[in-house]
Amino acid sequence: MFLLTNVMEHALDDGYAEAAARRGQVGTSRLPTSLSGRLGLAAGLVLAAVVVTVGAAQAHRAAPTEARERQKLIDRVQAETRSADGLQASVDSLRDSVSAEQRAALQNHGGDNTAQLELLAGATPVHGPGVKLVVDDAKEAAQGGTGGPRESSGFSDTGRVRDRDMQRVVNGLWASGAEAISVNGQRLTALSAIRAAGDAILVDNRPLVPPYTVLAIGDGEKLSTAFQDSADGQYLHVLQENYGIRASVTVEKDVRLPAAPSLIVRYARPVPGGSGQADTAATGKGS
């Protein structure tokens, strides 16, 4: 009973009570009691207030300057954007003029065959029925694994589509009756090149990534059948069966191909005794 009574009457331990009393004495003794101490404290508070006030005033004065600098940057960006838009409009206008001159030259040289010459040179966008051929690496290669080795372009393959494979696919489509072809949006011409750079495939020096989408314009059903029955179509089938290369061919009612960029006249000679008109000219992409 004595222990319970002591706990009830002295809930706080004596040691805690003494520590609390000491903290109270220290807390009350922190404030200066002398006149000089109070004046020093007051001077410190006044100095701190002055510093805060001056900083706030400087920040207030600097705000309009920062706003003006920001607005100047915005105005400059907008002006440069307008200038770039003007230059782009000029480029588009010049491109249209060049295209008109090219068409006029082809018309003078080709007569009624102008459309066919433009098609063969890749000088104009085209659309029509055709086929869509999608070729992709094997699943193991896409996931970082390896497939069975084979030789292509001088080095061993691990289930990846190589430049030689795409060359055979494209040549097979040409031989099967394709009138125009593009690979991943790159229009092919008589001067186009499909090469390798490491593991990447380059079409006219532009790197492509799988899957490789080949669009070809022609009689869809006949083109698809002729390609799959050709030696190049059988070659693609072997890649599917033996190395896991994925490929699919579908007949499309309407496919659209862009014009080939950077078309230039590569060869020309004047007509003997003529007025300077081109006798022969070949257009194509610079390689």
C-alpha atoms as a PDB file:
ATOM      1  CA  MET A   1       0.000   0.000   0.000  1.00  0.00           C
ATOM      2  CA  PHE A   2       2.882   2.363   0.779  1.00  0.00           C
ATOM      3  CA  LEU A   3       4.343   1.831  -2.699  1.00  0.00           C
ATOM      4  CA  LEU A   4       0.986   2.515  -4.399  1.00  0.00           C
ATOM      5  CA  THR A   5       0.418   5.587  -2.264  1.00  0.00           C
ATOM      6  CA  ASN A   6       3.916   6.902  -3.081  1.00  0.00           C
ATOM      7  CA  VAL A   7       3.364   6.394  -6.836  1.00  0.00           C
ATOM      8  CA  MET A   8       0.031   8.191  -6.718  1.00  0.00           C
ATOM      9  CA  GLU A   9       1.374  11.131  -4.693  1.00  0.00           C
ATOM     10  CA  HIS A  10       4.689  11.446  -6.612  1.00  0.00           C
ATOM     11  CA  ALA A  11       3.850  10.644 -10.225  1.00  0.00           C
ATOM     12  CA  LEU A  12       6.973  12.480 -11.459  1.00  0.00           C
ATOM     13  CA  ASP A  13      10.313  11.065 -10.417  1.00  0.00           C
ATOM     14  CA  ASP A  14      12.433  13.351  -8.257  1.00  0.00           C
ATOM     15  CA  GLY A  15      15.275  13.297 -10.795  1.00  0.00           C
ATOM     16  CA  TYR A  16      12.954  14.483 -13.577  1.00  0.00           C
ATOM     17  CA  ALA A  17      11.590  17.207 -11.299  1.00  0.00           C
ATOM     18  CA  GLU A  18      15.097  18.477 -10.512  1.00  0.00           C
ATOM     19  CA  ALA A  19      16.046  18.492 -14.221  1.00  0.00           C
ATOM     20  CA  ALA A  20      12.892  20.429 -15.111  1.00  0.00           C
ATOM     21  CA  ALA A  21      13.653  22.965 -12.400  1.00  0.00           C
ATOM     22  CA  ARG A  22      17.187  23.447 -13.726  1.00  0.00           C
ATOM     23  CA  ARG A  23      15.901  23.951 -17.291  1.00  0.00           C
ATOM     24  CA  GLY A  24      13.476  26.554 -16.028  1.00  0.00           C
ATOM     25  CA  GLN A  25      16.239  28.421 -14.251  1.00  0.00           C
ATOM     26  CA  VAL A  26      18.472  28.318 -17.355  1.00  0.00           C
ATOM     27  CA  GLY A  27      15.600  29.484 -19.584  1.00  0.00           C
ATOM     28  CA  THR A  28      14.854  32.468 -17.425  1.00  0.00           C
ATOM     29  CA  SER A  29      18.512  33.389 -17.236  1.00  0.00           C
ATOM     30  CA  ARG A  30      19.036  33.569 -21.037  1.00  0.00           C
ATOM     31  CA  LEU A  31      17.582  37.077 -21.374  1.00  0.00           C
ATOM     32  CA  PRO A  32      20.023  39.823 -20.394  1.00  0.00           C
ATOM     33  CA  THR A  33      19.207  41.623 -17.202  1.00  0.00           C
ATOM     34  CA  SER A  34      21.671  44.486 -17.425  1.00  0.00           C
ATOM     35  CA  LEU A  35      21.022  47.697 -19.380  1.00  0.00           C
ATOM     36  CA  SER A  36      23.943  47.148 -21.736  1.00  0.00           C
ATOM     37  CA  GLY A  37      22.801  43.629 -22.504  1.00  0.00           C
ATOM     38  CA  ARG A  38      19.280  44.804 -23.262  1.00  0.00           C
ATOM     39  CA  LEU A  39      20.603  47.576 -25.505  1.00  0.00           C
ATOM     40  CA  GLY A  40      22.790  45.071 -27.372  1.00  0.00           C
ATOM     41  CA  LEU A  41      19.813  42.756 -27.861  1.00  0.00           C
ATOM     42  CA  ALA A  42      17.702  45.633 -29.127  1.00  0.00           C
ATOM     43  CA  ALA A  43      20.471  46.711 -31.512  1.00  0.00           C
ATOM     44  CA  GLY A  44      20.745  43.162 -32.848  1.00  0.00           C
ATOM     45  CA  LEU A  45      17.008  42.956 -33.440  1.00  0.00           C
ATOM     46  CA  VAL A  46      17.025  46.326 -35.202  1.00  0.00           C
ATOM     47  CA  LEU A  47      19.949  45.229 -37.403  1.00  0.00           C
ATOM     48  CA  ALA A  48      18.184  41.984 -38.325  1.00  0.00           C
ATOM     49  CA  ALA A  49      15.035  43.928 -39.205  1.00  0.00           C
ATOM     50  CA  VAL A  50      17.055  46.312 -41.377  1.00  0.00           C
ATOM     51  CA  VAL A  51      18.726  43.423 -43.224  1.00  0.00           C
ATOM     52  CA  VAL A  52      15.384  41.731 -43.879  1.00  0.00           C
ATOM     53  CA  THR A  53      13.833  45.010 -45.016  1.00  0.00           C
ATOM     54  CA  VAL A  54      16.710  45.832 -47.376  1.00  0.00           C
ATOM     55  CA  GLY A  55      16.624  42.331 -48.852  1.00  0.00           C
ATOM     56  CA  ALA A  56      12.898  42.551 -49.442  1.00  0.00           C
ATOM     57  CA  ALA A  57      13.294  45.971 -51.071  1.00  0.00           C
ATOM     58  CA  GLN A  58      16.047  44.713 -53.373  1.00  0.00           C
ATOM     59  CA  ALA A  59      13.994  41.685 -54.325  1.00  0.00           C
ATOM     60  CA  HIS A  60      11.045  43.962 -55.052  1.00  0.00           C
ATOM     61  CA  ARG A  61      13.187  46.195 -57.264  1.00  0.00           C
ATOM     62  CA  ALA A  62      14.777  43.199 -59.033  1.00  0.00           C
ATOM     63  CA  ALA A  63      11.422  41.602 -59.870  1.00  0.00           C
ATOM     64  CA  PRO A  64      10.550  44.055 -62.696  1.00  0.00           C
ATOM     65  CA  THR A  65      14.068  43.678 -64.133  1.00  0.00           C
ATOM     66  CA  GLU A  66      13.755  39.877 -64.211  1.00  0.00           C
ATOM     67  CA  ALA A  67      10.314  40.182 -65.757  1.00  0.00           C
ATOM     68  CA  ARG A  68      11.708  42.484 -68.452  1.00  0.00           C
ATOM     69  CA  GLU A  69      14.577  40.073 -69.190  1.00  0.00           C
ATOM     70  CA  ARG A  70      12.157  37.188 -69.393  1.00  0.00           C
ATOM     71  CA  GLN A  71       9.915  39.129 -71.757  1.00  0.00           C
ATOM     72  CA  LYS A  72      12.931  39.988 -73.922  1.00  0.00           C
ATOM     73  CA  LEU A  73      13.780  36.287 -74.189  1.00  0.00           C
ATOM     74  CA  ILE A  74      10.165  35.460 -75.085  1.00  0.00           C
ATOM     75  CA  ASP A  75      10.123  38.190 -77.737  1.00  0.00           C
ATOM     76  CA  ARG A  76      13.423  36.937 -79.162  1.00  0.00           C
ATOM     77  CA  VAL A  77      12.176  33.350 -79.324  1.00  0.00           C
ATOM     78  CA  GLN A  78       8.991  34.466 -81.039  1.00  0.00           C
ATOM     79  CA  ALA A  79      10.945  36.601 -83.530  1.00  0.00           C
ATOM     80  CA  GLU A  80      13.299  33.713 -84.355  1.00  0.00           C
ATOM     81  CA  THR A  81      10.305  31.411 -84.737  1.00  0.00           C
ATOM     82  CA  ARG A  82       8.694  33.812 -87.191  1.00  0.00           C
ATOM     83  CA  SER A  83      11.990  34.064 -89.073  1.00  0.00           C
ATOM     84  CA  ALA A  84      12.261  30.271 -89.234  1.00  0.00           C
ATOM     85  CA  ASP A  85       8.672  30.027 -90.471  1.00  0.00           C
ATOM     86  CA  GLY A  86       9.473  32.578 -93.176  1.00  0.00           C
ATOM     87  CA  LEU A  87      12.561  30.658 -94.246  1.00  0.00           C
ATOM     88  CA  GLN A  88      10.559  27.426 -94.339  1.00  0.00           C
ATOM     89  CA  ALA A  89       7.935  29.094 -96.514  1.00  0.00           C
ATOM     90  CA  SER A  90      10.722  30.309 -98.816  1.00  0.00           C
ATOM     91  CA  VAL A  91      12.188  26.797 -98.969  1.00  0.00           C
ATOM     92  CA  ASP A  92       8.773  25.345 -99.807  1.00  0.00           C
ATOM     93  CA  SER A  93       8.300  27.944-102.540  1.00  0.00           C
ATOM     94  CA  LEU A  94      11.738  27.244-104.008  1.00  0.00           C
ATOM     95  CA  ARG A  95      11.116  23.512-103.812  1.00  0.00           C
ATOM     96  CA  ASP A  96       7.872  23.967-105.742  1.00  0.00           C
ATOM     97  CA  SER A  97       9.729  26.042-108.336  1.00  0.00           C
ATOM     98  CA  VAL A  98      12.424  23.385-108.692  1.00  0.00           C
ATOM     99  CA  SER A  99       9.790  20.681-109.037  1.00  0.00           C
ATOM    100  CA  ALA A 100       8.039  22.720-111.734  1.00  0.00           C
ATOM    101  CA  GLU A 101      11.346  23.164-113.593  1.00  0.00           C
ATOM    102  CA  GLN A 102      12.033  19.441-113.310  1.00  0.00           C
ATOM    103  CA  ARG A 103       8.602  18.606-114.666  1.00  0.00           C
ATOM    104  CA  ALA A 104       9.117  21.069-117.515  1.00  0.00           C
ATOM    105  CA  ALA A 105      12.501  19.500-118.330  1.00  0.00           C
ATOM    106  CA  LEU A 106      11.009  16.029-118.232  1.00  0.00           C
ATOM    107  CA  GLN A 107       8.129  17.211-120.419  1.00  0.00           C
ATOM    108  CA  ASN A 108      10.541  18.666-122.975  1.00  0.00           C
ATOM    109  CA  HIS A 109      12.637  15.524-122.959  1.00  0.00           C
ATOM    110  CA  GLY A 110      10.029  12.843-122.500  1.00  0.00           C
ATOM    111  CA  GLY A 111       6.969  14.233-124.199  1.00  0.00           C
ATOM    112  CA  ASP A 112       4.030  11.984-123.477  1.00  0.00           C
ATOM    113  CA  ASN A 113       6.226   9.769-121.275  1.00  0.00           C
ATOM    114  CA  THR A 114       6.668  12.466-118.621  1.00  0.00           C
ATOM    115  CA  ALA A 115       4.579  10.665-116.000  1.00  0.00           C
ATOM    116  CA  GLN A 116       6.511   7.454-116.539  1.00  0.00           C
ATOM    117  CA  LEU A 117       9.844   9.275-116.336  1.00  0.00           C
ATOM    118  CA  GLU A 118       8.800  10.963-113.083  1.00  0.00           C
ATOM    119  CA  LEU A 119       7.738   7.595-111.697  1.00  0.00           C
ATOM    120  CA  LEU A 120      10.985   5.888-112.651  1.00  0.00           C
ATOM    121  CA  ALA A 121      13.056   8.767-111.277  1.00  0.00           C
ATOM    122  CA  GLY A 122      11.035   8.920-108.055  1.00  0.00           C
ATOM    123  CA  ALA A 123      10.500  12.634-108.601  1.00  0.00           C
ATOM    124  CA  THR A 124       6.888  12.710-107.462  1.00  0.00           C
ATOM    125  CA  PRO A 125       4.755  11.065-104.760  1.00  0.00           C
ATOM    126  CA  VAL A 126       2.689   8.166-106.018  1.00  0.00           C
ATOM    127  CA  HIS A 127      -0.141   6.016-104.764  1.00  0.00           C
ATOM    128  CA  GLY A 128      -2.093   3.056-105.993  1.00  0.00           C
ATOM    129  CA  PRO A 129      -2.743  -0.637-105.365  1.00  0.00           C
ATOM    130  CA  GLY A 130       0.151  -2.784-104.275  1.00  0.00           C
ATOM    131  CA  VAL A 131       1.551  -4.926-101.487  1.00  0.00           C
ATOM    132  CA  LYS A 132       2.850  -4.345 -97.985  1.00  0.00           C
ATOM    133  CA  LEU A 133       5.743  -6.545 -96.918  1.00  0.00           C
ATOM    134  CA  VAL A 134       6.884  -6.399 -93.290  1.00  0.00           C
ATOM    135  CA  VAL A 135      10.198  -8.070 -92.400  1.00  0.00           C
ATOM    136  CA  ASP A 136      11.424  -8.245 -88.798  1.00  0.00           C
ATOM    137  CA  ASP A 137      14.193  -9.857 -86.764  1.00  0.00           C
ATOM    138  CA  ALA A 138      13.616 -13.186 -85.043  1.00  0.00           C
ATOM    139  CA  LYS A 139      12.003 -12.979 -81.602  1.00  0.00           C
ATOM    140  CA  GLU A 140      15.172 -14.286 -79.957  1.00  0.00           C
ATOM    141  CA  ALA A 141      17.233 -11.531 -81.603  1.00  0.00           C
ATOM    142  CA  ALA A 142      14.697  -8.855 -80.647  1.00  0.00           C
ATOM    143  CA  GLN A 143      14.865 -10.051 -77.025  1.00  0.00           C
ATOM    144  CA  GLY A 144      18.651 -10.079 -76.988  1.00  0.00           C
ATOM    145  CA  GLY A 145      19.053 -13.816 -77.589  1.00  0.00           C
ATOM    146  CA  THR A 146      20.738 -15.613 -80.447  1.00  0.00           C
ATOM    147  CA  GLY A 147      19.491 -17.877 -83.164  1.00  0.00           C
ATOM    148  CA  GLY A 148      21.240 -20.211 -85.518  1.00  0.00           C
ATOM    149  CA  PRO A 149      24.303 -18.720 -87.236  1.00  0.00           C
ATOM    150  CA  ARG A 150      24.340 -17.957 -90.924  1.00  0.00           C
ATOM    151  CA  GLU A 151      26.562 -15.905 -93.168  1.00  0.00           C
ATOM    152  CA  SER A 152      25.309 -12.627 -94.613  1.00  0.00           C
ATOM    153  CA  SER A 153      27.318  -9.648 -95.828  1.00  0.00           C
ATOM    154  CA  GLY A 154      30.539 -11.217 -94.628  1.00  0.00           C
ATOM    155  CA  PHE A 155      29.667 -11.807 -90.958  1.00  0.00           C
ATOM    156  CA  SER A 156      27.597 -14.280 -88.994  1.00  0.00           C
ATOM    157  CA  ASP A 157      23.966 -13.503 -88.274  1.00  0.00           C
ATOM    158  CA  THR A 158      22.082 -14.168 -85.058  1.00  0.00           C
ATOM    159  CA  GLY A 159      18.503 -14.038 -86.264  1.00  0.00           C
ATOM    160  CA  ARG A 160      18.686 -10.453 -87.493  1.00  0.00           C
ATOM    161  CA  VAL A 161      17.662  -9.136 -90.898  1.00  0.00           C
ATOM    162  CA  ARG A 162      20.738  -8.049 -92.852  1.00  0.00           C
ATOM    163  CA  ASP A 163      21.329  -5.681 -95.730  1.00  0.00           C
ATOM    164  CA  ARG A 164      21.733  -8.565 -98.180  1.00  0.00           C
ATOM    165  CA  ASP A 165      18.314  -9.887 -97.144  1.00  0.00           C
ATOM    166  CA  MET A 166      16.672  -6.524 -97.837  1.00  0.00           C
ATOM    167  CA  GLN A 167      18.513  -6.243-101.151  1.00  0.00           C
ATOM    168  CA  ARG A 168      17.070  -9.566-102.265  1.00  0.00           C
ATOM    169  CA  VAL A 169      13.588  -8.630-101.080  1.00  0.00           C
ATOM    170  CA  VAL A 170      13.646  -5.314-102.948  1.00  0.00           C
ATOM    171  CA  ASN A 171      15.156  -6.806-106.118  1.00  0.00           C
ATOM    172  CA  GLY A 172      12.579  -9.582-105.988  1.00  0.00           C
ATOM    173  CA  LEU A 173       9.754  -7.047-105.862  1.00  0.00           C
ATOM    174  CA  TRP A 174      11.233  -5.092-108.802  1.00  0.00           C
ATOM    175  CA  ALA A 175      11.550  -8.294-110.793  1.00  0.00           C
ATOM    176  CA  SER A 176       7.983  -9.287-109.903  1.00  0.00           C
ATOM    177  CA  GLY A 177       6.548  -6.141-111.473  1.00  0.00           C
ATOM    178  CA  ALA A 178       6.690  -3.419-108.798  1.00  0.00           C
ATOM    179  CA  GLU A 179       6.472   0.083-110.256  1.00  0.00           C
ATOM    180  CA  ALA A 180       7.666   1.977-107.150  1.00  0.00           C
ATOM    181  CA  ILE A 181       9.069   0.858-103.787  1.00  0.00           C
ATOM    182  CA  SER A 182       9.803   2.436-100.422  1.00  0.00           C
ATOM    183  CA  VAL A 183      11.444   0.992 -97.297  1.00  0.00           C
ATOM    184  CA  ASN A 184      10.363   2.531 -93.994  1.00  0.00           C
ATOM    185  CA  GLY A 185       9.250   5.621 -95.890  1.00  0.00           C
ATOM    186  CA  GLN A 186      12.460   5.932 -97.957  1.00  0.00           C
ATOM    187  CA  ARG A 187      11.621   6.007-101.661  1.00  0.00           C
ATOM    188  CA  LEU A 188      13.975   3.887-103.772  1.00  0.00           C
ATOM    189  CA  THR A 189      15.329   4.978-107.144  1.00  0.00           C
ATOM    190  CA  ALA A 190      17.763   3.592-109.671  1.00  0.00           C
ATOM    191  CA  LEU A 191      20.609   5.080-107.615  1.00  0.00           C
ATOM    192  CA  SER A 192      19.444   3.873-104.194  1.00  0.00           C
ATOM    193  CA  ALA A 193      21.790   1.736-102.129  1.00  0.00           C
ATOM    194  CA  ILE A 194      21.043  -0.687 -99.295  1.00  0.00           C
ATOM    195  CA  ARG A 195      24.140  -1.215 -97.158  1.00  0.00           C
ATOM    196  CA  ALA A 196      25.157  -2.243 -93.656  1.00  0.00           C
ATOM    197  CA  ALA A 197      26.886  -0.210 -90.960  1.00  0.00           C
ATOM    198  CA  GLY A 198      27.556  -2.525 -88.050  1.00  0.00           C
ATOM    199  CA  ASP A 199      24.216  -4.046 -87.121  1.00  0.00           C
ATOM    200  CA  ALA A 200      22.231  -1.230 -88.765  1.00  0.00           C
ATOM    201  CA  ILE A 201      20.797  -1.255 -92.273  1.00  0.00           C
ATOM    202  CA  LEU A 202      21.255   1.928 -94.289  1.00  0.00           C
ATOM    203  CA  VAL A 203      18.988   2.910 -97.167  1.00  0.00           C
ATOM    204  CA  ASP A 204      20.604   5.793 -99.036  1.00  0.00           C
ATOM    205  CA  ASN A 205      22.801   6.405 -95.971  1.00  0.00           C
ATOM    206  CA  ARG A 206      19.794   6.701 -93.664  1.00  0.00           C
ATOM    207  CA  PRO A 207      19.715   4.171 -90.812  1.00  0.00           C
ATOM    208  CA  LEU A 208      16.560   2.124 -90.427  1.00  0.00           C
ATOM    209  CA  VAL A 209      15.310   0.087 -87.494  1.00  0.00           C
ATOM    210  CA  PRO A 210      13.186  -3.072 -87.601  1.00  0.00           C
ATOM    211  CA  PRO A 211      10.526  -3.914 -88.430  1.00  0.00           C
ATOM    212  CA  TYR A 212      11.226  -3.037 -92.063  1.00  0.00           C
ATOM    213  CA  THR A 213       8.050  -2.066 -93.909  1.00  0.00           C
ATOM    214  CA  VAL A 214       8.379  -2.383 -97.669  1.00  0.00           C
ATOM    215  CA  LEU A 215       5.616  -0.808 -99.758  1.00  0.00           C
ATOM    216  CA  ALA A 216       5.420  -1.634-103.453  1.00  0.00           C
ATOM    217  CA  ILE A 217       2.962  -0.295-106.018  1.00  0.00           C
ATOM    218  CA  GLY A 218       1.681  -2.637-108.681  1.00  0.00           C
ATOM    219  CA  ASP A 219      -1.065  -5.151-109.359  1.00  0.00           C
ATOM    220  CA  GLY A 220      -1.495  -6.333-105.788  1.00  0.00           C
ATOM    221  CA  GLU A 221      -2.571  -9.931-106.321  1.00  0.00           C
ATOM    222  CA  LYS A 222      -0.194 -10.590-109.209  1.00  0.00           C
ATOM    223  CA  LEU A 223       2.687  -8.837-107.496  1.00  0.00           C
ATOM    224  CA  SER A 224       2.219 -10.784-104.274  1.00  0.00           C
ATOM    225  CA  THR A 225       1.955 -14.134-106.060  1.00  0.00           C
ATOM    226  CA  ALA A 226       4.868 -13.448-108.374  1.00  0.00           C
ATOM    227  CA  PHE A 227       7.132 -12.378-105.512  1.00  0.00           C
ATOM    228  CA  GLN A 228       6.314 -15.340-103.280  1.00  0.00           C
ATOM    229  CA  ASP A 229       6.896 -17.744-106.185  1.00  0.00           C
ATOM    230  CA  SER A 230      10.195 -16.092-107.153  1.00  0.00           C
ATOM    231  CA  ALA A 231      13.644 -17.176-105.988  1.00  0.00           C
ATOM    232  CA  ASP A 232      13.840 -14.138-103.718  1.00  0.00           C
ATOM    233  CA  GLY A 233      10.471 -14.923-102.196  1.00  0.00           C
ATOM    234  CA  GLN A 234      11.616 -18.484-101.556  1.00  0.00           C
ATOM    235  CA  TYR A 235      14.795 -17.095-100.006  1.00  0.00           C
ATOM    236  CA  LEU A 236      12.689 -15.058 -97.568  1.00  0.00           C
ATOM    237  CA  HIS A 237      10.683 -18.195 -96.788  1.00  0.00           C
ATOM    238  CA  VAL A 238      13.907 -20.049 -95.956  1.00  0.00           C
ATOM    239  CA  LEU A 239      14.866 -17.255 -93.556  1.00  0.00           C
ATOM    240  CA  GLN A 240      11.511 -17.686 -91.841  1.00  0.00           C
ATOM    241  CA  GLU A 241      11.763 -21.460 -91.574  1.00  0.00           C
ATOM    242  CA  ASN A 242      15.430 -21.802 -90.591  1.00  0.00           C
ATOM    243  CA  TYR A 243      16.327 -18.619 -88.740  1.00  0.00           C
ATOM    244  CA  GLY A 244      13.079 -17.323 -87.259  1.00  0.00           C
ATOM    245  CA  ILE A 245      12.949 -14.176 -89.393  1.00  0.00           C
ATOM    246  CA  ARG A 246       9.392 -12.834 -89.289  1.00  0.00           C
ATOM    247  CA  ALA A 247       7.747 -11.731 -92.523  1.00  0.00           C
ATOM    248  CA  SER A 248       4.232 -11.078 -93.780  1.00  0.00           C
ATOM    249  CA  VAL A 249       2.852 -10.037 -97.162  1.00  0.00           C
ATOM    250  CA  THR A 250      -0.541  -8.378 -97.567  1.00  0.00           C
ATOM    251  CA  VAL A 251      -2.304  -7.015-100.620  1.00  0.00           C
ATOM    252  CA  GLU A 252      -3.295  -3.355-100.225  1.00  0.00           C
ATOM    253  CA  LYS A 253      -5.916  -1.431-102.177  1.00  0.00           C
ATOM    254  CA  ASP A 254      -4.025   1.837-101.887  1.00  0.00           C
ATOM    255  CA  VAL A 255      -0.450   2.480-100.738  1.00  0.00           C
ATOM    256  CA  ARG A 256       1.208   5.887-100.743  1.00  0.00           C
ATOM    257  CA  LEU A 257       4.890   6.503-101.419  1.00  0.00           C
ATOM    258  CA  PRO A 258       6.662   9.849-100.966  1.00  0.00           C
ATOM    259  CA  ALA A 259       8.928  11.408-103.553  1.00  0.00           C
ATOM    260  CA  ALA A 260      12.627  10.664-103.279  1.00  0.00           C
ATOM    261  CA  PRO A 261      14.517  13.555-101.647  1.00  0.00           C
ATOM    262  CA  SER A 262      17.533  15.311-103.149  1.00  0.00           C
ATOM    263  CA  LEU A 263      16.864  14.489-106.775  1.00  0.00           C
ATOM    264  CA  ILE A 264      19.537  16.000-109.001  1.00  0.00           C
ATOM    265  CA  VAL A 265      20.515  15.838-112.658  1.00  0.00           C
ATOM    266  CA  ARG A 266      23.576  13.599-112.777  1.00  0.00           C
ATOM    267  CA  TYR A 267      24.428  13.580-116.504  1.00  0.00           C
ATOM    268  CA  ALA A 268      23.477  15.914-119.354  1.00  0.00           C
ATOM    269  CA  ARG A 269      24.867  16.947-122.731  1.00  0.00           C
ATOM    270  CA  PRO A 270      23.532  19.512-125.202  1.00  0.00           C
ATOM    271  CA  VAL A 271      21.913  18.591-128.476  1.00  0.00           C
ATOM    272  CA  PRO A 272      24.464  19.046-131.292  1.00  0.00           C
ATOM    273  CA  GLY A 273      23.501  22.183-133.155  1.00  0.00           C
ATOM    274  CA  GLY A 274      20.484  22.695-130.928  1.00  0.00           C
ATOM    275  CA  SER A 275      19.420  25.503-128.632  1.00  0.00           C
ATOM    276  CA  GLY A 276      21.005  24.075-125.516  1.00  0.00           C
ATOM    277  CA  GLN A 277      18.227  21.672-124.544  1.00  0.00           C
ATOM    278  CA  ALA A 278      19.349  18.532-122.761  1.00  0.00           C
ATOM    279  CA  ASP A 279      19.774  15.551-125.016  1.00  0.00           C
ATOM    280  CA  THR A 280      20.045  12.944-122.309  1.00  0.00           C
ATOM    281  CA  ALA A 281      19.619  13.328-118.581  1.00  0.00           C
ATOM    282  CA  ALA A 282      19.509  10.933-115.684  1.00  0.00           C
ATOM    283  CA  THR A 283      17.997  11.958-112.397  1.00  0.00           C
ATOM    284  CA  GLY A 284      18.376  10.234-109.083  1.00  0.00           C
ATOM    285  CA  LYS A 285      19.580  10.451-105.536  1.00  0.00           C
ATOM    286  CA  GLY A 286      23.147  11.339-104.763  1.00  0.00           C
ATOM    287  CA  SER A 287      24.827   8.329-103.230  1.00  0.00           C
END
